[in-house]
N, C-alpha and C. Protein backbone atom coordinates (compact mmCIF):
# COMPACT_ATOMS: atom_id res chain seq x y z
N MET A 1 33.82 3.67 22.25
CA MET A 1 35.07 3.29 21.67
C MET A 1 35.47 1.95 21.33
N SER A 2 35.58 1.53 20.23
CA SER A 2 35.77 0.07 20.10
C SER A 2 37.05 -0.77 20.67
N ARG A 3 36.81 -1.99 21.28
CA ARG A 3 37.69 -2.95 21.62
C ARG A 3 38.55 -3.57 21.54
N GLY A 4 38.95 -3.76 19.75
CA GLY A 4 39.38 -4.71 19.29
C GLY A 4 38.47 -5.58 18.43
N PRO A 5 39.03 -6.62 18.13
CA PRO A 5 38.12 -7.65 17.75
C PRO A 5 37.33 -8.90 18.72
N ALA A 6 36.53 -9.33 18.41
CA ALA A 6 35.35 -10.18 19.21
C ALA A 6 36.01 -10.84 20.32
N GLN A 7 35.31 -10.74 21.33
CA GLN A 7 35.60 -11.40 22.61
C GLN A 7 36.11 -12.87 22.44
N ARG A 8 36.84 -13.01 23.07
CA ARG A 8 37.10 -14.70 23.89
C ARG A 8 36.15 -14.93 24.61
N GLY A 9 34.98 -16.62 24.25
CA GLY A 9 34.89 -17.06 25.51
C GLY A 9 33.51 -18.00 24.68
N PRO A 10 32.50 -18.07 25.43
CA PRO A 10 31.34 -18.59 25.53
C PRO A 10 30.45 -17.72 24.69
N ALA A 11 30.38 -16.57 25.03
CA ALA A 11 29.46 -15.28 24.43
C ALA A 11 29.81 -15.17 23.34
N ALA A 12 31.05 -15.45 22.85
CA ALA A 12 31.36 -14.93 21.42
C ALA A 12 30.87 -15.89 19.92
N GLY A 13 30.52 -17.00 20.38
CA GLY A 13 30.20 -17.59 19.15
C GLY A 13 29.83 -19.30 19.66
N PRO A 14 30.91 -19.84 18.44
CA PRO A 14 31.41 -21.26 17.84
C PRO A 14 31.87 -21.82 19.33
N HIS A 15 32.09 -22.88 19.54
CA HIS A 15 33.31 -22.78 20.09
C HIS A 15 34.40 -23.05 19.83
N VAL A 16 35.51 -22.58 21.04
CA VAL A 16 36.71 -22.47 20.16
C VAL A 16 37.95 -24.02 19.80
N SER A 17 38.04 -24.03 18.72
CA SER A 17 38.71 -25.43 18.18
C SER A 17 40.07 -24.88 18.90
N ASP A 18 40.58 -26.63 18.94
CA ASP A 18 41.92 -26.57 19.11
C ASP A 18 43.08 -25.86 19.05
N PHE A 19 42.55 -25.38 17.48
CA PHE A 19 43.97 -25.06 16.56
C PHE A 19 43.89 -23.13 16.76
N ALA A 20 42.09 -22.63 17.46
CA ALA A 20 42.26 -21.60 17.53
C ALA A 20 42.33 -21.31 19.10
N ALA A 21 42.71 -21.95 20.23
CA ALA A 21 43.24 -22.39 21.56
C ALA A 21 45.00 -22.39 21.28
N ARG A 22 45.15 -22.86 21.21
CA ARG A 22 47.19 -22.64 20.41
C ARG A 22 47.11 -21.05 19.79
N VAL A 23 46.36 -20.74 18.96
CA VAL A 23 46.29 -19.35 18.28
C VAL A 23 46.11 -18.79 19.74
N LEU A 24 45.68 -18.61 20.57
CA LEU A 24 45.12 -17.70 21.33
C LEU A 24 46.22 -17.45 22.31
N ASP A 25 46.65 -19.05 22.63
CA ASP A 25 47.80 -19.70 23.72
C ASP A 25 49.19 -18.29 23.24
N VAL A 26 49.53 -18.52 22.43
CA VAL A 26 50.73 -18.09 21.75
C VAL A 26 50.59 -16.20 21.88
N VAL A 27 49.25 -15.43 21.46
CA VAL A 27 49.03 -14.53 21.09
C VAL A 27 49.29 -13.99 22.51
N GLU A 28 48.72 -14.52 23.87
CA GLU A 28 49.00 -14.67 24.91
C GLU A 28 50.41 -14.38 25.54
N GLY A 29 51.09 -15.26 25.15
CA GLY A 29 52.45 -15.61 24.90
C GLY A 29 53.34 -14.76 24.79
N ILE A 30 52.81 -13.44 23.40
CA ILE A 30 53.81 -12.87 23.15
C ILE A 30 54.11 -11.39 23.99
N PRO A 31 55.38 -11.04 24.59
CA PRO A 31 55.67 -9.82 25.42
C PRO A 31 55.36 -8.58 25.04
N PRO A 32 55.41 -8.12 26.32
CA PRO A 32 54.93 -6.45 25.63
C PRO A 32 55.88 -5.67 25.42
N GLY A 33 55.23 -5.45 24.24
CA GLY A 33 56.08 -3.92 23.44
C GLY A 33 56.76 -5.00 22.33
N GLN A 34 56.00 -6.11 21.65
CA GLN A 34 56.86 -6.54 20.66
C GLN A 34 55.49 -7.42 20.00
N VAL A 35 55.41 -8.07 18.95
CA VAL A 35 54.09 -8.62 17.75
C VAL A 35 54.72 -9.74 16.90
N MET A 36 54.04 -10.04 16.90
CA MET A 36 54.20 -11.63 15.69
C MET A 36 53.09 -11.15 14.47
N SER A 37 53.30 -12.00 13.51
CA SER A 37 52.64 -11.58 12.40
C SER A 37 51.77 -12.47 12.09
N TYR A 38 50.91 -12.44 11.48
CA TYR A 38 49.17 -13.78 11.44
C TYR A 38 50.09 -15.13 10.61
N GLY A 39 51.38 -14.73 9.93
CA GLY A 39 51.57 -15.70 9.28
C GLY A 39 52.69 -16.18 10.60
N ASP A 40 53.77 -15.07 11.09
CA ASP A 40 54.44 -16.04 12.23
C ASP A 40 54.15 -16.91 13.23
N ILE A 41 52.55 -16.62 13.57
CA ILE A 41 51.68 -17.76 14.45
C ILE A 41 51.73 -19.05 14.03
N ALA A 42 51.47 -18.84 12.62
CA ALA A 42 50.74 -19.68 11.66
C ALA A 42 52.05 -20.92 11.56
N GLU A 43 53.24 -20.37 10.81
CA GLU A 43 54.79 -20.70 11.11
C GLU A 43 55.17 -21.21 12.81
N TYR A 44 55.12 -20.62 14.14
CA TYR A 44 55.07 -21.08 14.84
C TYR A 44 54.69 -22.21 15.53
N LEU A 45 53.46 -22.61 15.11
CA LEU A 45 52.44 -23.32 15.31
C LEU A 45 52.42 -24.41 13.93
N GLY A 46 53.23 -24.40 12.80
CA GLY A 46 53.59 -25.31 12.19
C GLY A 46 52.55 -26.16 11.64
N GLU A 47 50.78 -24.85 11.54
CA GLU A 47 49.50 -25.13 11.11
C GLU A 47 49.03 -24.03 10.25
N GLY A 48 48.40 -24.43 9.62
CA GLY A 48 47.07 -22.85 9.23
C GLY A 48 48.24 -22.30 8.14
N GLY A 49 47.76 -20.81 7.82
CA GLY A 49 48.11 -19.85 7.42
C GLY A 49 47.87 -18.96 8.08
N PRO A 50 47.69 -17.74 7.39
CA PRO A 50 47.76 -15.79 8.08
C PRO A 50 46.16 -15.61 7.84
N ARG A 51 45.78 -16.39 6.98
CA ARG A 51 44.26 -16.06 6.76
C ARG A 51 43.39 -17.07 8.08
N GLN A 52 43.81 -18.14 8.35
CA GLN A 52 43.35 -18.49 9.42
C GLN A 52 43.48 -18.47 10.78
N VAL A 53 45.08 -17.79 11.36
CA VAL A 53 44.98 -17.10 11.86
C VAL A 53 43.84 -15.87 12.36
N GLY A 54 44.05 -15.11 11.42
CA GLY A 54 43.05 -13.78 11.35
C GLY A 54 41.89 -14.53 11.35
N ARG A 55 41.44 -14.96 10.94
CA ARG A 55 39.71 -15.49 11.33
C ARG A 55 40.02 -15.98 13.02
N VAL A 56 40.64 -16.66 13.31
CA VAL A 56 40.51 -16.80 14.97
C VAL A 56 40.75 -15.52 15.75
N MET A 57 41.67 -14.63 15.33
CA MET A 57 41.49 -13.62 15.95
C MET A 57 40.26 -12.46 15.94
N THR A 58 39.02 -12.79 14.52
CA THR A 58 38.53 -12.09 14.85
C THR A 58 36.76 -12.51 15.15
N LEU A 59 37.28 -13.43 15.86
CA LEU A 59 36.24 -14.53 16.08
C LEU A 59 36.97 -14.49 17.68
N TRP A 60 37.83 -14.67 18.04
CA TRP A 60 38.43 -14.67 19.90
C TRP A 60 39.14 -14.30 20.07
N GLY A 61 39.72 -13.03 19.18
CA GLY A 61 40.55 -12.56 19.61
C GLY A 61 40.76 -11.19 20.76
N GLY A 62 39.84 -10.99 20.97
CA GLY A 62 39.40 -9.69 22.05
C GLY A 62 39.49 -10.19 22.97
N GLY A 63 39.43 -11.12 23.90
CA GLY A 63 40.11 -11.51 24.77
C GLY A 63 41.60 -11.68 25.09
N VAL A 64 42.63 -11.27 23.65
CA VAL A 64 44.09 -11.66 23.95
C VAL A 64 44.31 -10.52 23.97
N ALA A 65 45.65 -10.10 23.76
CA ALA A 65 46.56 -8.63 23.66
C ALA A 65 46.57 -8.68 21.96
N TRP A 66 45.87 -8.43 21.55
CA TRP A 66 45.50 -8.32 19.72
C TRP A 66 45.49 -7.90 19.22
N TRP A 67 46.65 -7.14 19.58
CA TRP A 67 47.18 -5.58 19.13
C TRP A 67 48.59 -6.24 19.04
N ARG A 68 48.69 -7.41 19.37
CA ARG A 68 50.61 -7.80 19.51
C ARG A 68 50.29 -8.76 18.50
N VAL A 69 49.39 -8.69 17.16
CA VAL A 69 49.32 -9.63 16.36
C VAL A 69 49.02 -8.55 15.11
N VAL A 70 49.70 -8.59 14.16
CA VAL A 70 49.94 -7.75 12.95
C VAL A 70 49.94 -8.44 11.16
N HIS A 71 49.85 -7.43 10.55
CA HIS A 71 50.42 -7.99 9.32
C HIS A 71 51.60 -7.50 9.32
N ALA A 72 52.03 -8.20 7.74
CA ALA A 72 53.32 -8.66 8.05
C ALA A 72 54.26 -7.62 7.84
N ASN A 73 53.98 -6.65 7.31
CA ASN A 73 54.33 -5.27 6.66
C ASN A 73 54.66 -4.10 7.82
N GLY A 74 53.66 -5.16 8.89
CA GLY A 74 53.57 -4.13 10.45
C GLY A 74 52.35 -2.62 10.30
N SER A 75 51.73 -3.30 8.97
CA SER A 75 50.50 -2.01 9.46
C SER A 75 49.96 -2.12 10.14
N LEU A 76 48.91 -1.33 10.68
CA LEU A 76 48.10 -1.27 11.79
C LEU A 76 46.74 -1.74 11.49
N LEU A 77 45.74 -2.62 12.16
CA LEU A 77 44.26 -3.30 12.14
C LEU A 77 43.83 -2.12 11.66
N ALA A 78 43.01 -2.51 10.83
CA ALA A 78 42.20 -1.47 10.02
C ALA A 78 40.65 -1.39 11.21
N GLY A 79 40.56 -0.09 11.21
CA GLY A 79 39.28 0.32 12.38
C GLY A 79 39.61 0.15 13.82
N HIS A 80 41.01 0.10 13.98
CA HIS A 80 41.36 0.11 15.38
C HIS A 80 43.03 0.42 15.69
N GLU A 81 42.88 1.11 14.87
CA GLU A 81 44.31 1.65 14.56
C GLU A 81 44.78 2.74 16.29
N ARG A 82 43.45 3.86 16.53
CA ARG A 82 44.02 4.36 17.62
C ARG A 82 44.27 3.74 19.23
N ALA A 83 43.48 2.68 19.36
CA ALA A 83 43.34 1.93 20.36
C ALA A 83 44.42 1.18 20.20
N ALA A 84 45.31 0.47 19.32
CA ALA A 84 46.48 -0.07 18.57
C ALA A 84 47.55 1.07 18.93
N LEU A 85 47.56 1.98 18.73
CA LEU A 85 48.36 2.67 18.81
C LEU A 85 48.80 3.40 20.23
N ASP A 86 47.26 3.66 20.79
CA ASP A 86 47.70 3.74 22.19
C ASP A 86 48.10 3.08 23.01
N ARG A 87 47.77 1.35 23.04
CA ARG A 87 48.42 0.15 23.51
C ARG A 87 49.86 0.17 23.33
N TYR A 88 50.62 0.91 22.40
CA TYR A 88 51.96 0.23 21.33
C TYR A 88 52.36 1.76 22.14
N ALA A 89 52.18 3.22 22.28
CA ALA A 89 52.68 4.05 22.92
C ALA A 89 52.85 2.96 25.21
N ASP A 90 51.70 2.56 25.48
CA ASP A 90 52.22 2.17 26.55
C ASP A 90 53.21 1.01 27.01
N GLU A 91 53.02 -0.07 25.98
CA GLU A 91 54.03 -0.88 26.04
C GLU A 91 55.14 -0.66 25.52
N ARG A 92 55.56 1.04 24.86
CA ARG A 92 57.02 1.24 24.05
C ARG A 92 57.32 0.40 22.64
N THR A 93 56.18 -0.24 21.89
CA THR A 93 56.35 -1.04 20.90
C THR A 93 57.48 -0.40 19.85
N PRO A 94 57.79 -0.67 18.79
CA PRO A 94 58.83 0.34 17.80
C PRO A 94 57.96 0.54 16.93
N LEU A 95 57.82 1.42 16.80
CA LEU A 95 56.69 1.96 15.34
C LEU A 95 57.58 2.66 14.12
N ARG A 96 57.19 2.33 12.96
CA ARG A 96 58.14 3.01 11.74
C ARG A 96 56.60 4.51 11.99
N ARG A 97 57.81 5.98 11.10
CA ARG A 97 57.07 7.07 11.06
C ARG A 97 56.97 7.04 9.83
N GLY A 98 55.73 7.79 9.48
CA GLY A 98 55.68 8.45 8.49
C GLY A 98 56.82 9.88 7.85
N PRO A 99 56.55 10.03 6.73
CA PRO A 99 57.34 11.84 6.60
C PRO A 99 56.70 12.47 7.52
N ASP A 100 55.66 12.43 8.25
CA ASP A 100 55.06 13.73 8.69
C ASP A 100 55.18 13.43 10.23
N GLY A 101 56.04 12.53 10.14
CA GLY A 101 56.20 11.71 11.93
C GLY A 101 55.51 11.02 12.38
N ARG A 102 53.81 11.02 12.02
CA ARG A 102 53.12 10.23 12.73
C ARG A 102 53.30 8.78 12.49
N PRO A 103 52.90 7.78 13.23
CA PRO A 103 53.32 6.69 13.31
C PRO A 103 52.32 5.56 11.50
N SER A 104 53.21 4.94 11.48
CA SER A 104 52.37 4.18 10.01
C SER A 104 52.35 2.99 10.29
N GLY A 105 53.03 2.44 11.53
CA GLY A 105 52.98 0.91 11.70
C GLY A 105 54.20 0.20 12.85
N VAL A 106 53.98 -0.80 12.71
CA VAL A 106 54.99 -1.30 13.64
C VAL A 106 56.38 -1.49 12.85
N ASP A 107 57.72 -1.43 13.56
CA ASP A 107 58.64 -1.72 12.70
C ASP A 107 59.20 -3.09 13.07
N MET A 108 58.59 -3.54 12.10
CA MET A 108 58.84 -5.48 12.37
C MET A 108 60.54 -5.83 12.65
N ARG A 109 61.47 -5.23 11.86
CA ARG A 109 62.65 -5.68 12.37
C ARG A 109 62.82 -5.29 13.87
N ARG A 110 62.60 -4.87 14.53
CA ARG A 110 62.53 -4.48 16.01
C ARG A 110 61.64 -4.74 16.85
N ALA A 111 60.39 -5.01 16.54
CA ALA A 111 59.77 -4.94 17.23
C ALA A 111 58.94 -6.93 17.59
N ARG A 112 59.10 -7.16 15.94
CA ARG A 112 59.23 -9.00 15.72
C ARG A 112 59.44 -10.23 17.12
N TRP A 113 58.63 -11.24 17.89
CA TRP A 113 59.21 -11.82 18.69
C TRP A 113 58.79 -13.09 18.08
N SER A 114 60.28 -13.68 18.02
CA SER A 114 60.46 -14.68 17.55
C SER A 114 59.78 -16.20 18.31
N GLY A 115 59.10 -16.25 19.32
CA GLY A 115 58.36 -17.09 19.94
C GLY A 115 59.42 -17.70 20.81
N ASP A 116 60.62 -17.08 21.13
CA ASP A 116 61.12 -17.95 22.02
C ASP A 116 61.29 -17.43 23.03
N PRO A 117 61.15 -17.90 24.32
CA PRO A 117 60.52 -17.57 25.11
C PRO A 117 62.18 -17.08 26.45
N GLY A 118 63.04 -16.90 26.08
CA GLY A 118 64.26 -16.81 26.41
C GLY A 118 64.46 -16.88 27.98
N PRO A 119 65.26 -16.76 28.24
CA PRO A 119 65.78 -17.50 29.42
C PRO A 119 65.19 -17.10 31.07
N ASP A 120 64.86 -18.14 31.52
CA ASP A 120 63.87 -18.24 32.65
C ASP A 120 64.43 -17.13 33.98
């Protein structure tokens, strides 16, 4: 069974840049049941764009809650749909349903996290 994007850490490949470390820190802060898009993370950091965040997740995202980072339209990560859906069910992440009643992606209106940690 696939575990998601590549593992974070020294065995994963090249040194983690400051930008990559900040991306991974944001991902670690996304609460269970909520998500951010690749672009949301770039906007939150004020640096890079969706592709740069996607590259970080490809290289080092396996060590963080990778299923909480999705496409802007909420579509599921190709090749990791089953693993993501299992985690979404565990976390009660709001999902969109297709005409057949099966999950078709994350309901971004209900699941998107703004990056605000909220009250302590």
